[in-house]
Structures are given as structure tokens and as C-alpha cells.
Amino acid sequence: MDMQAVDARELSLLAVIQGGFPLTPRPFLEIGNQIGLSEAQVIATLADLSQRGVIKRMGLIVRHRELGFKANAMVVWDLPDDLVSVMGKRVGELEFVTLCYRRRRSLPRWSYNLYCMIHGRERSQVLDHLAALEACCGLEEFPKQVLFSHRRFKQHGAHYFTQHVSAPHLLSVPPVSLQ
């Protein structure tokens, strides 16, 4: 992304959002108040930055442990390549699956190509969900691994600058590659 194509107002907005959105009923209004834009201008600018590819995606990072979901497992399967898309769609539609995606195998050490995340309050709940998932989707016969997490790694959104900056100092901060 050519940073020359991003103006000072957009840079200010990127600097504010890289720290996360405020947990308020009107986050775009609060962001706008920080940088001198209206709520509508913030929303329109974010839409424009997204359309231009400066922002690739926006999403929510849920701190599941704080919500009581302490048993969390990444389940991986080794499926025939022609089944991965169909099965991934089925698995991803289940209400207790929070993440489902395909990855390339890394042979010979890692043969798994379908990944999903199941969160639960107890390990037994996750395993019950997994049994229901396999029965529903017909995945019982395929090799899998259930990888329960023992700790949470730092989760954060996109970083557009190498350090946290405030709007008045933006132009002196060198950009990093945009995600």
C-alpha cells in the first residue's frame, strides 16, 4: 500500500483504531471526538479505506477466558482435498464452532488441512460438541487431533505504525506494511 495515497485525516483514524475500538454504545462517535470527525465521517472514512484495500478487514477479538470459556480446543483433520471445502462449510455452520478454515498441509510432519476451534466452559463440554460435530458431519472416520490450549497468546488487531502514536505526531512515524 502506498502511504502517499493516505491523507493526514485517514492517518489519524488509523492511529486511533490500531489500539482497538472503545467498548461504548457508539464507538465511531467516540473515535471521531478524539480526532475531530463526526460519527458519520468516521464510518464513511473506514468504508473508503476498506474499499481501497488500506484496511483489509475489521473484526472482533473475543477474550473468551474472561467470559468463562476456559476449555478451548483446536481440532484438526486430515481430509481428502476434494472434501475440505464441503466439510469446512458444514463444520463452520455449527453454532459451537467459533472458527473454521483450511490450511495447506506441511508434509511429511503435518498432514492436517481442516481446522476448527471449539470453546467450552469445561473440557467435557468441548468433547461433547466434538462428538456431535463428527456425527453430524460424518467426520468420525478421518484422522484428527484435538489440541487443547494451555494459555492464550497475545491477540491484537492490525498495526499500521511501528509504535503507538497520537494524531498530532502522525506524519513523523514511519509506516509498516499494512495487513
N, C-alpha and C. Protein backbone atom coordinates (compact mmCIF):
# COMPACT_ATOMS: atom_id res chain seq x y z
N MET A 1 0.84 -1.18 0.00
CA MET A 1 0.00 0.00 0.00
C MET A 1 0.88 1.23 0.00
N ASP A 2 0.61 2.13 -0.90
CA ASP A 2 1.34 3.39 -1.00
C ASP A 2 0.80 4.36 0.06
N MET A 3 1.60 4.66 1.08
CA MET A 3 1.15 5.53 2.15
C MET A 3 0.94 6.96 1.66
N GLN A 4 1.50 7.30 0.50
CA GLN A 4 1.27 8.63 -0.06
C GLN A 4 -0.21 8.83 -0.39
N ALA A 5 -0.91 7.73 -0.65
CA ALA A 5 -2.32 7.82 -1.03
C ALA A 5 -3.24 7.99 0.19
N VAL A 6 -2.67 7.97 1.39
CA VAL A 6 -3.45 8.10 2.62
C VAL A 6 -3.21 9.50 3.18
N ASP A 7 -4.29 10.26 3.36
CA ASP A 7 -4.12 11.64 3.83
C ASP A 7 -4.01 11.71 5.36
N ALA A 8 -3.74 12.90 5.88
CA ALA A 8 -3.49 13.08 7.31
C ALA A 8 -4.71 12.69 8.15
N ARG A 9 -5.90 12.99 7.67
CA ARG A 9 -7.12 12.63 8.40
C ARG A 9 -7.24 11.11 8.50
N GLU A 10 -6.96 10.42 7.40
CA GLU A 10 -7.01 8.95 7.40
C GLU A 10 -5.92 8.36 8.30
N LEU A 11 -4.74 8.96 8.28
CA LEU A 11 -3.66 8.50 9.16
C LEU A 11 -4.06 8.64 10.63
N SER A 12 -4.71 9.75 10.96
CA SER A 12 -5.17 9.95 12.34
C SER A 12 -6.15 8.86 12.73
N LEU A 13 -7.06 8.54 11.84
CA LEU A 13 -8.05 7.50 12.12
C LEU A 13 -7.37 6.14 12.29
N LEU A 14 -6.43 5.82 11.42
CA LEU A 14 -5.71 4.54 11.53
C LEU A 14 -4.95 4.46 12.85
N ALA A 15 -4.35 5.57 13.27
CA ALA A 15 -3.60 5.57 14.53
C ALA A 15 -4.51 5.27 15.71
N VAL A 16 -5.73 5.82 15.68
CA VAL A 16 -6.65 5.61 16.79
C VAL A 16 -7.18 4.18 16.80
N ILE A 17 -7.56 3.65 15.65
CA ILE A 17 -8.19 2.32 15.65
C ILE A 17 -7.21 1.18 15.85
N GLN A 18 -5.93 1.41 15.59
CA GLN A 18 -5.00 0.30 15.77
C GLN A 18 -4.89 -0.11 17.23
N GLY A 19 -5.31 0.73 18.15
CA GLY A 19 -5.33 0.37 19.56
C GLY A 19 -6.60 -0.34 19.97
N GLY A 20 -7.54 -0.48 19.04
CA GLY A 20 -8.81 -1.13 19.33
C GLY A 20 -9.94 -0.12 19.43
N PHE A 21 -11.13 -0.61 19.24
CA PHE A 21 -12.32 0.24 19.31
C PHE A 21 -12.77 0.37 20.77
N PRO A 22 -13.25 1.53 21.16
CA PRO A 22 -13.76 1.68 22.53
C PRO A 22 -15.03 0.84 22.73
N LEU A 23 -15.18 0.30 23.92
CA LEU A 23 -16.35 -0.51 24.24
C LEU A 23 -17.46 0.41 24.76
N THR A 24 -18.07 1.10 23.85
CA THR A 24 -19.14 2.03 24.17
C THR A 24 -20.28 1.79 23.18
N PRO A 25 -21.47 2.28 23.49
CA PRO A 25 -22.58 2.10 22.56
C PRO A 25 -22.35 2.75 21.19
N ARG A 26 -21.53 3.81 21.15
CA ARG A 26 -21.27 4.50 19.89
C ARG A 26 -19.76 4.70 19.69
N PRO A 27 -19.05 3.63 19.38
CA PRO A 27 -17.58 3.74 19.27
C PRO A 27 -17.12 4.69 18.17
N PHE A 28 -17.85 4.77 17.07
CA PHE A 28 -17.42 5.64 15.98
C PHE A 28 -17.55 7.11 16.37
N LEU A 29 -18.52 7.44 17.20
CA LEU A 29 -18.68 8.80 17.71
C LEU A 29 -17.51 9.14 18.63
N GLU A 30 -17.16 8.22 19.51
CA GLU A 30 -16.04 8.46 20.43
C GLU A 30 -14.73 8.61 19.67
N ILE A 31 -14.51 7.77 18.68
CA ILE A 31 -13.30 7.88 17.86
C ILE A 31 -13.28 9.24 17.15
N GLY A 32 -14.41 9.61 16.58
CA GLY A 32 -14.50 10.91 15.90
C GLY A 32 -14.18 12.06 16.82
N ASN A 33 -14.67 12.00 18.05
CA ASN A 33 -14.40 13.06 19.02
C ASN A 33 -12.90 13.18 19.30
N GLN A 34 -12.17 12.08 19.25
CA GLN A 34 -10.72 12.10 19.50
C GLN A 34 -9.95 12.79 18.39
N ILE A 35 -10.47 12.72 17.16
CA ILE A 35 -9.69 13.24 16.02
C ILE A 35 -10.41 14.32 15.23
N GLY A 36 -11.52 14.83 15.76
CA GLY A 36 -12.21 15.94 15.12
C GLY A 36 -13.06 15.58 13.92
N LEU A 37 -13.64 14.39 13.92
CA LEU A 37 -14.53 13.97 12.84
C LEU A 37 -15.90 13.63 13.44
N SER A 38 -16.91 13.72 12.62
CA SER A 38 -18.23 13.29 13.06
C SER A 38 -18.31 11.76 13.02
N GLU A 39 -19.30 11.22 13.66
CA GLU A 39 -19.53 9.77 13.64
C GLU A 39 -19.70 9.29 12.19
N ALA A 40 -20.47 10.02 11.40
CA ALA A 40 -20.71 9.66 10.00
C ALA A 40 -19.42 9.72 9.19
N GLN A 41 -18.56 10.70 9.47
CA GLN A 41 -17.29 10.81 8.75
C GLN A 41 -16.37 9.64 9.08
N VAL A 42 -16.36 9.21 10.33
CA VAL A 42 -15.54 8.06 10.72
C VAL A 42 -16.00 6.82 9.98
N ILE A 43 -17.29 6.58 9.97
CA ILE A 43 -17.84 5.40 9.29
C ILE A 43 -17.55 5.46 7.80
N ALA A 44 -17.75 6.61 7.18
CA ALA A 44 -17.50 6.76 5.74
C ALA A 44 -16.02 6.59 5.42
N THR A 45 -15.16 7.12 6.26
CA THR A 45 -13.71 7.01 6.01
C THR A 45 -13.25 5.57 6.16
N LEU A 46 -13.76 4.87 7.18
CA LEU A 46 -13.41 3.46 7.34
C LEU A 46 -13.88 2.64 6.14
N ALA A 47 -15.09 2.93 5.65
CA ALA A 47 -15.60 2.22 4.47
C ALA A 47 -14.72 2.48 3.27
N ASP A 48 -14.29 3.73 3.10
CA ASP A 48 -13.43 4.09 1.97
C ASP A 48 -12.06 3.42 2.09
N LEU A 49 -11.48 3.43 3.28
CA LEU A 49 -10.18 2.77 3.49
C LEU A 49 -10.27 1.28 3.22
N SER A 50 -11.39 0.70 3.59
CA SER A 50 -11.61 -0.72 3.33
C SER A 50 -11.75 -0.99 1.83
N GLN A 51 -12.53 -0.16 1.16
CA GLN A 51 -12.73 -0.34 -0.29
C GLN A 51 -11.41 -0.19 -1.05
N ARG A 52 -10.55 0.70 -0.60
CA ARG A 52 -9.26 0.94 -1.25
C ARG A 52 -8.21 -0.10 -0.87
N GLY A 53 -8.52 -0.96 0.09
CA GLY A 53 -7.58 -2.01 0.48
C GLY A 53 -6.58 -1.58 1.54
N VAL A 54 -6.71 -0.39 2.08
CA VAL A 54 -5.82 0.04 3.15
C VAL A 54 -6.12 -0.79 4.40
N ILE A 55 -7.40 -0.96 4.70
CA ILE A 55 -7.85 -1.86 5.76
C ILE A 55 -8.35 -3.12 5.07
N LYS A 56 -7.75 -4.24 5.42
CA LYS A 56 -8.13 -5.50 4.78
C LYS A 56 -9.39 -6.09 5.40
N ARG A 57 -9.52 -5.97 6.72
CA ARG A 57 -10.71 -6.49 7.39
C ARG A 57 -10.77 -5.90 8.79
N MET A 58 -11.97 -5.89 9.33
CA MET A 58 -12.17 -5.49 10.72
C MET A 58 -12.96 -6.61 11.38
N GLY A 59 -12.59 -6.92 12.59
CA GLY A 59 -13.28 -7.98 13.29
C GLY A 59 -13.19 -7.79 14.78
N LEU A 60 -13.79 -8.70 15.46
CA LEU A 60 -13.87 -8.66 16.91
C LEU A 60 -12.94 -9.71 17.49
N ILE A 61 -12.18 -9.31 18.49
CA ILE A 61 -11.37 -10.26 19.24
C ILE A 61 -12.08 -10.49 20.56
N VAL A 62 -12.54 -11.71 20.77
CA VAL A 62 -13.26 -12.05 21.98
C VAL A 62 -12.28 -12.64 22.99
N ARG A 63 -12.26 -12.10 24.17
CA ARG A 63 -11.43 -12.61 25.25
C ARG A 63 -12.23 -13.71 25.95
N HIS A 64 -12.22 -14.91 25.35
CA HIS A 64 -13.09 -15.99 25.78
C HIS A 64 -12.84 -16.45 27.22
N ARG A 65 -11.63 -16.43 27.66
CA ARG A 65 -11.35 -16.87 29.04
C ARG A 65 -12.05 -15.97 30.06
N GLU A 66 -12.08 -14.67 29.78
CA GLU A 66 -12.74 -13.73 30.69
C GLU A 66 -14.26 -13.97 30.71
N LEU A 67 -14.79 -14.60 29.68
CA LEU A 67 -16.22 -14.92 29.63
C LEU A 67 -16.53 -16.29 30.21
N GLY A 68 -15.51 -16.97 30.76
CA GLY A 68 -15.73 -18.26 31.41
C GLY A 68 -15.46 -19.47 30.53
N PHE A 69 -14.99 -19.25 29.32
CA PHE A 69 -14.70 -20.37 28.41
C PHE A 69 -13.23 -20.73 28.55
N LYS A 70 -12.96 -21.65 29.45
CA LYS A 70 -11.57 -21.98 29.79
C LYS A 70 -11.08 -23.27 29.14
N ALA A 71 -11.98 -24.05 28.56
CA ALA A 71 -11.61 -25.27 27.86
C ALA A 71 -11.75 -24.97 26.37
N ASN A 72 -10.62 -24.88 25.68
CA ASN A 72 -10.63 -24.45 24.29
C ASN A 72 -9.75 -25.38 23.48
N ALA A 73 -10.30 -25.87 22.38
CA ALA A 73 -9.56 -26.85 21.59
C ALA A 73 -9.58 -26.48 20.11
N MET A 74 -8.41 -26.58 19.51
CA MET A 74 -8.29 -26.53 18.06
C MET A 74 -8.34 -27.99 17.62
N VAL A 75 -9.30 -28.30 16.76
CA VAL A 75 -9.43 -29.66 16.24
C VAL A 75 -8.97 -29.61 14.78
N VAL A 76 -8.11 -30.54 14.42
CA VAL A 76 -7.57 -30.59 13.06
C VAL A 76 -7.84 -31.96 12.45
N TRP A 77 -8.21 -31.97 11.18
CA TRP A 77 -8.48 -33.21 10.47
C TRP A 77 -7.62 -33.30 9.23
N ASP A 78 -7.34 -34.52 8.85
CA ASP A 78 -6.68 -34.82 7.57
C ASP A 78 -7.77 -35.36 6.65
N LEU A 79 -8.26 -34.50 5.79
CA LEU A 79 -9.34 -34.87 4.87
C LEU A 79 -8.83 -34.94 3.44
N PRO A 80 -9.47 -35.75 2.62
CA PRO A 80 -9.15 -35.71 1.19
C PRO A 80 -9.41 -34.28 0.68
N ASP A 81 -8.53 -33.81 -0.17
CA ASP A 81 -8.62 -32.42 -0.64
C ASP A 81 -9.98 -32.09 -1.25
N ASP A 82 -10.60 -33.05 -1.91
CA ASP A 82 -11.89 -32.74 -2.55
C ASP A 82 -13.05 -32.63 -1.55
N LEU A 83 -12.82 -32.97 -0.28
CA LEU A 83 -13.87 -32.86 0.74
C LEU A 83 -13.72 -31.65 1.66
N VAL A 84 -12.55 -31.03 1.67
CA VAL A 84 -12.27 -30.00 2.65
C VAL A 84 -13.26 -28.83 2.57
N SER A 85 -13.54 -28.33 1.41
CA SER A 85 -14.43 -27.17 1.28
C SER A 85 -15.85 -27.49 1.75
N VAL A 86 -16.37 -28.64 1.33
CA VAL A 86 -17.72 -29.03 1.71
C VAL A 86 -17.80 -29.24 3.22
N MET A 87 -16.86 -29.99 3.77
CA MET A 87 -16.87 -30.26 5.21
C MET A 87 -16.61 -29.00 6.02
N GLY A 88 -15.72 -28.15 5.53
CA GLY A 88 -15.45 -26.91 6.22
C GLY A 88 -16.69 -26.03 6.33
N LYS A 89 -17.48 -26.00 5.27
CA LYS A 89 -18.72 -25.21 5.30
C LYS A 89 -19.68 -25.80 6.34
N ARG A 90 -19.82 -27.11 6.35
CA ARG A 90 -20.71 -27.75 7.34
C ARG A 90 -20.25 -27.50 8.77
N VAL A 91 -18.98 -27.70 9.01
CA VAL A 91 -18.43 -27.52 10.35
C VAL A 91 -18.60 -26.06 10.79
N GLY A 92 -18.28 -25.13 9.89
CA GLY A 92 -18.36 -23.71 10.21
C GLY A 92 -19.75 -23.21 10.51
N GLU A 93 -20.77 -23.93 10.08
CA GLU A 93 -22.15 -23.52 10.33
C GLU A 93 -22.66 -23.94 11.71
N LEU A 94 -21.93 -24.78 12.41
CA LEU A 94 -22.36 -25.23 13.73
C LEU A 94 -22.18 -24.11 14.74
N GLU A 95 -23.18 -23.91 15.58
CA GLU A 95 -23.18 -22.76 16.50
C GLU A 95 -22.06 -22.78 17.52
N PHE A 96 -21.54 -23.93 17.86
CA PHE A 96 -20.47 -24.00 18.87
C PHE A 96 -19.07 -23.93 18.26
N VAL A 97 -18.98 -23.86 16.94
CA VAL A 97 -17.68 -23.70 16.27
C VAL A 97 -17.44 -22.21 16.08
N THR A 98 -16.34 -21.72 16.65
CA THR A 98 -16.08 -20.28 16.58
C THR A 98 -15.13 -19.89 15.46
N LEU A 99 -14.49 -20.85 14.86
CA LEU A 99 -13.52 -20.57 13.80
C LEU A 99 -13.35 -21.85 12.99
N CYS A 100 -13.35 -21.74 11.67
CA CYS A 100 -13.15 -22.92 10.83
C CYS A 100 -12.46 -22.46 9.56
N TYR A 101 -11.37 -23.12 9.19
CA TYR A 101 -10.65 -22.74 7.99
C TYR A 101 -9.79 -23.89 7.47
N ARG A 102 -9.33 -23.71 6.25
CA ARG A 102 -8.49 -24.69 5.57
C ARG A 102 -7.06 -24.17 5.58
N ARG A 103 -6.11 -25.10 5.74
CA ARG A 103 -4.69 -24.76 5.62
C ARG A 103 -4.00 -25.81 4.77
N ARG A 104 -2.93 -25.41 4.15
CA ARG A 104 -2.11 -26.38 3.40
C ARG A 104 -1.41 -27.30 4.38
N ARG A 105 -1.26 -28.51 3.96
CA ARG A 105 -0.51 -29.48 4.76
C ARG A 105 0.97 -29.09 4.74
N SER A 106 1.70 -29.58 5.73
CA SER A 106 3.15 -29.38 5.75
C SER A 106 3.79 -30.77 5.89
N LEU A 107 3.72 -31.50 4.79
CA LEU A 107 4.21 -32.88 4.77
C LEU A 107 5.73 -32.91 4.83
N PRO A 108 6.29 -33.90 5.45
CA PRO A 108 5.66 -35.12 5.97
C PRO A 108 5.23 -34.99 7.43
N ARG A 109 5.54 -33.87 8.09
CA ARG A 109 5.31 -33.75 9.54
C ARG A 109 3.87 -33.46 9.92
N TRP A 110 3.13 -32.76 9.08
CA TRP A 110 1.79 -32.30 9.47
C TRP A 110 0.85 -32.51 8.30
N SER A 111 -0.07 -33.44 8.45
CA SER A 111 -0.94 -33.81 7.32
C SER A 111 -2.33 -33.19 7.40
N TYR A 112 -2.58 -32.35 8.38
CA TYR A 112 -3.94 -31.83 8.61
C TYR A 112 -4.23 -30.61 7.75
N ASN A 113 -5.48 -30.58 7.24
CA ASN A 113 -5.85 -29.50 6.33
C ASN A 113 -7.16 -28.81 6.67
N LEU A 114 -7.92 -29.29 7.65
CA LEU A 114 -9.13 -28.61 8.10
C LEU A 114 -9.00 -28.34 9.59
N TYR A 115 -9.23 -27.08 9.98
CA TYR A 115 -9.04 -26.64 11.36
C TYR A 115 -10.34 -26.03 11.87
N CYS A 116 -10.67 -26.29 13.12
CA CYS A 116 -11.79 -25.57 13.74
C CYS A 116 -11.50 -25.36 15.22
N MET A 117 -12.11 -24.33 15.77
CA MET A 117 -11.95 -24.01 17.18
C MET A 117 -13.27 -24.20 17.89
N ILE A 118 -13.22 -24.90 19.02
CA ILE A 118 -14.40 -25.11 19.85
C ILE A 118 -14.05 -24.62 21.26
N HIS A 119 -14.85 -23.69 21.78
CA HIS A 119 -14.66 -23.16 23.13
C HIS A 119 -15.71 -23.76 24.04
N GLY A 120 -15.34 -24.02 25.28
CA GLY A 120 -16.29 -24.52 26.25
C GLY A 120 -15.89 -24.13 27.66
N ARG A 121 -16.83 -24.22 28.56
CA ARG A 121 -16.54 -23.91 29.96
C ARG A 121 -15.78 -25.05 30.62
N GLU A 122 -16.03 -26.28 30.15
CA GLU A 122 -15.37 -27.48 30.68
C GLU A 122 -14.86 -28.32 29.51
N ARG A 123 -13.82 -29.07 29.75
CA ARG A 123 -13.25 -29.94 28.72
C ARG A 123 -14.29 -30.94 28.21
N SER A 124 -15.11 -31.48 29.10
CA SER A 124 -16.13 -32.45 28.71
C SER A 124 -17.15 -31.82 27.74
N GLN A 125 -17.45 -30.55 27.93
CA GLN A 125 -18.38 -29.86 27.02
C GLN A 125 -17.78 -29.77 25.61
N VAL A 126 -16.49 -29.46 25.52
CA VAL A 126 -15.83 -29.39 24.22
C VAL A 126 -15.85 -30.75 23.55
N LEU A 127 -15.55 -31.80 24.30
CA LEU A 127 -15.53 -33.15 23.73
C LEU A 127 -16.93 -33.60 23.31
N ASP A 128 -17.95 -33.20 24.06
CA ASP A 128 -19.33 -33.50 23.66
C ASP A 128 -19.68 -32.79 22.35
N HIS A 129 -19.29 -31.53 22.24
CA HIS A 129 -19.51 -30.79 20.99
C HIS A 129 -18.78 -31.46 19.83
N LEU A 130 -17.56 -31.90 20.07
CA LEU A 130 -16.78 -32.55 19.03
C LEU A 130 -17.46 -33.84 18.57
N ALA A 131 -17.97 -34.63 19.50
CA ALA A 131 -18.67 -35.87 19.14
C ALA A 131 -19.91 -35.56 18.30
N ALA A 132 -20.64 -34.51 18.68
CA ALA A 132 -21.82 -34.11 17.91
C ALA A 132 -21.42 -33.63 16.52
N LEU A 133 -20.35 -32.88 16.44
CA LEU A 133 -19.85 -32.37 15.16
C LEU A 133 -19.48 -33.53 14.24
N GLU A 134 -18.73 -34.47 14.75
CA GLU A 134 -18.30 -35.60 13.92
C GLU A 134 -19.48 -36.42 13.44
N ALA A 135 -20.46 -36.66 14.31
CA ALA A 135 -21.65 -37.43 13.91
C ALA A 135 -22.46 -36.66 12.87
N CYS A 136 -22.62 -35.38 13.08
CA CYS A 136 -23.41 -34.54 12.17
C CYS A 136 -22.76 -34.44 10.79
N CYS A 137 -21.46 -34.33 10.77
CA CYS A 137 -20.75 -34.08 9.50
C CYS A 137 -20.13 -35.34 8.91
N GLY A 138 -20.19 -36.46 9.61
CA GLY A 138 -19.60 -37.69 9.09
C GLY A 138 -18.09 -37.69 9.09
N LEU A 139 -17.50 -37.11 10.12
CA LEU A 139 -16.04 -36.99 10.16
C LEU A 139 -15.37 -38.03 11.07
N GLU A 140 -16.15 -38.98 11.62
CA GLU A 140 -15.58 -39.94 12.57
C GLU A 140 -14.43 -40.76 11.99
N GLU A 141 -14.49 -41.07 10.71
CA GLU A 141 -13.50 -41.98 10.12
C GLU A 141 -12.18 -41.32 9.74
N PHE A 142 -12.11 -40.01 9.80
CA PHE A 142 -10.91 -39.31 9.33
C PHE A 142 -9.94 -39.03 10.48
N PRO A 143 -8.64 -39.12 10.19
CA PRO A 143 -7.64 -38.82 11.23
C PRO A 143 -7.79 -37.39 11.73
N LYS A 144 -7.63 -37.24 13.05
CA LYS A 144 -7.76 -35.91 13.65
C LYS A 144 -6.86 -35.83 14.87
N GLN A 145 -6.67 -34.61 15.34
CA GLN A 145 -6.05 -34.34 16.63
C GLN A 145 -6.86 -33.27 17.32
N VAL A 146 -6.99 -33.40 18.62
CA VAL A 146 -7.67 -32.40 19.44
C VAL A 146 -6.60 -31.73 20.29
N LEU A 147 -6.39 -30.45 20.04
CA LEU A 147 -5.30 -29.72 20.68
C LEU A 147 -5.88 -28.69 21.65
N PHE A 148 -5.94 -29.07 22.94
CA PHE A 148 -6.46 -28.14 23.95
C PHE A 148 -5.39 -27.09 24.25
N SER A 149 -5.83 -25.86 24.36
CA SER A 149 -4.88 -24.79 24.66
C SER A 149 -4.61 -24.73 26.16
N HIS A 150 -3.39 -24.35 26.48
CA HIS A 150 -2.98 -24.22 27.88
C HIS A 150 -2.80 -22.77 28.28
N ARG A 151 -2.64 -21.91 27.27
CA ARG A 151 -2.53 -20.48 27.53
C ARG A 151 -3.00 -19.72 26.30
N ARG A 152 -3.30 -18.46 26.52
CA ARG A 152 -3.73 -17.61 25.41
C ARG A 152 -2.55 -16.76 24.98
N PHE A 153 -2.34 -16.72 23.69
CA PHE A 153 -1.31 -15.85 23.16
C PHE A 153 -1.89 -14.45 23.00
N LYS A 154 -1.04 -13.48 22.95
CA LYS A 154 -1.49 -12.10 22.81
C LYS A 154 -2.27 -11.94 21.51
N GLN A 155 -3.46 -11.40 21.65
CA GLN A 155 -4.31 -11.16 20.48
C GLN A 155 -4.42 -9.66 20.27
N HIS A 156 -4.26 -9.23 19.03
CA HIS A 156 -4.41 -7.82 18.73
C HIS A 156 -4.79 -7.66 17.27
N GLY A 157 -5.28 -6.50 16.96
CA GLY A 157 -5.66 -6.20 15.59
C GLY A 157 -4.47 -5.73 14.78
N ALA A 158 -4.78 -5.18 13.62
CA ALA A 158 -3.74 -4.70 12.70
C ALA A 158 -2.98 -3.53 13.31
N HIS A 159 -1.70 -3.48 13.03
CA HIS A 159 -0.86 -2.35 13.44
C HIS A 159 -0.36 -1.66 12.19
N TYR A 160 -0.67 -0.38 12.09
CA TYR A 160 -0.31 0.39 10.91
C TYR A 160 0.97 1.19 11.11
N PHE A 161 1.41 1.34 12.36
CA PHE A 161 2.58 2.11 12.69
C PHE A 161 3.46 1.30 13.62
N THR A 162 4.76 1.60 13.63
CA THR A 162 5.70 0.81 14.43
C THR A 162 5.59 1.09 15.91
N GLN A 163 4.97 2.19 16.29
CA GLN A 163 4.76 2.49 17.70
C GLN A 163 3.42 3.19 17.85
N HIS A 164 2.89 3.19 19.07
CA HIS A 164 1.63 3.89 19.29
C HIS A 164 1.89 5.39 19.19
N VAL A 165 1.09 6.05 18.43
CA VAL A 165 1.27 7.49 18.22
C VAL A 165 -0.05 8.19 18.43
N SER A 166 0.03 9.46 18.74
CA SER A 166 -1.18 10.26 18.81
C SER A 166 -1.28 11.06 17.52
N ALA A 167 -2.45 11.50 17.19
CA ALA A 167 -2.71 12.15 15.91
C ALA A 167 -1.75 13.29 15.58
N PRO A 168 -1.39 14.22 16.49
CA PRO A 168 -0.52 15.33 16.10
C PRO A 168 0.87 14.90 15.64
N HIS A 169 1.33 13.72 16.04
CA HIS A 169 2.68 13.28 15.68
C HIS A 169 2.70 12.28 14.54
N LEU A 170 1.60 12.11 13.88
CA LEU A 170 1.49 11.06 12.86
C LEU A 170 2.49 11.14 11.74
N LEU A 171 2.69 12.29 11.20
CA LEU A 171 3.48 12.39 9.99
C LEU A 171 4.95 12.07 10.21
N SER A 172 5.40 12.04 11.47
CA SER A 172 6.79 11.71 11.74
C SER A 172 7.00 10.22 11.98
N VAL A 173 5.94 9.43 11.95
CA VAL A 173 6.04 8.00 12.24
C VAL A 173 6.12 7.21 10.94
N PRO A 174 7.18 6.41 10.77
CA PRO A 174 7.27 5.62 9.54
C PRO A 174 6.24 4.50 9.54
N PRO A 175 5.57 4.30 8.42
CA PRO A 175 4.57 3.23 8.35
C PRO A 175 5.21 1.86 8.25
N VAL A 176 4.48 0.85 8.69
CA VAL A 176 4.89 -0.54 8.47
C VAL A 176 3.94 -1.11 7.44
N SER A 177 4.21 -2.31 6.99
CA SER A 177 3.35 -2.89 5.97
C SER A 177 1.94 -3.05 6.52
N LEU A 178 0.97 -2.76 5.69
CA LEU A 178 -0.42 -2.86 6.09
C LEU A 178 -0.93 -4.26 5.87
N GLN A 179 -1.78 -4.72 6.78
CA GLN A 179 -2.32 -6.07 6.68
C GLN A 179 -3.57 -6.09 5.86
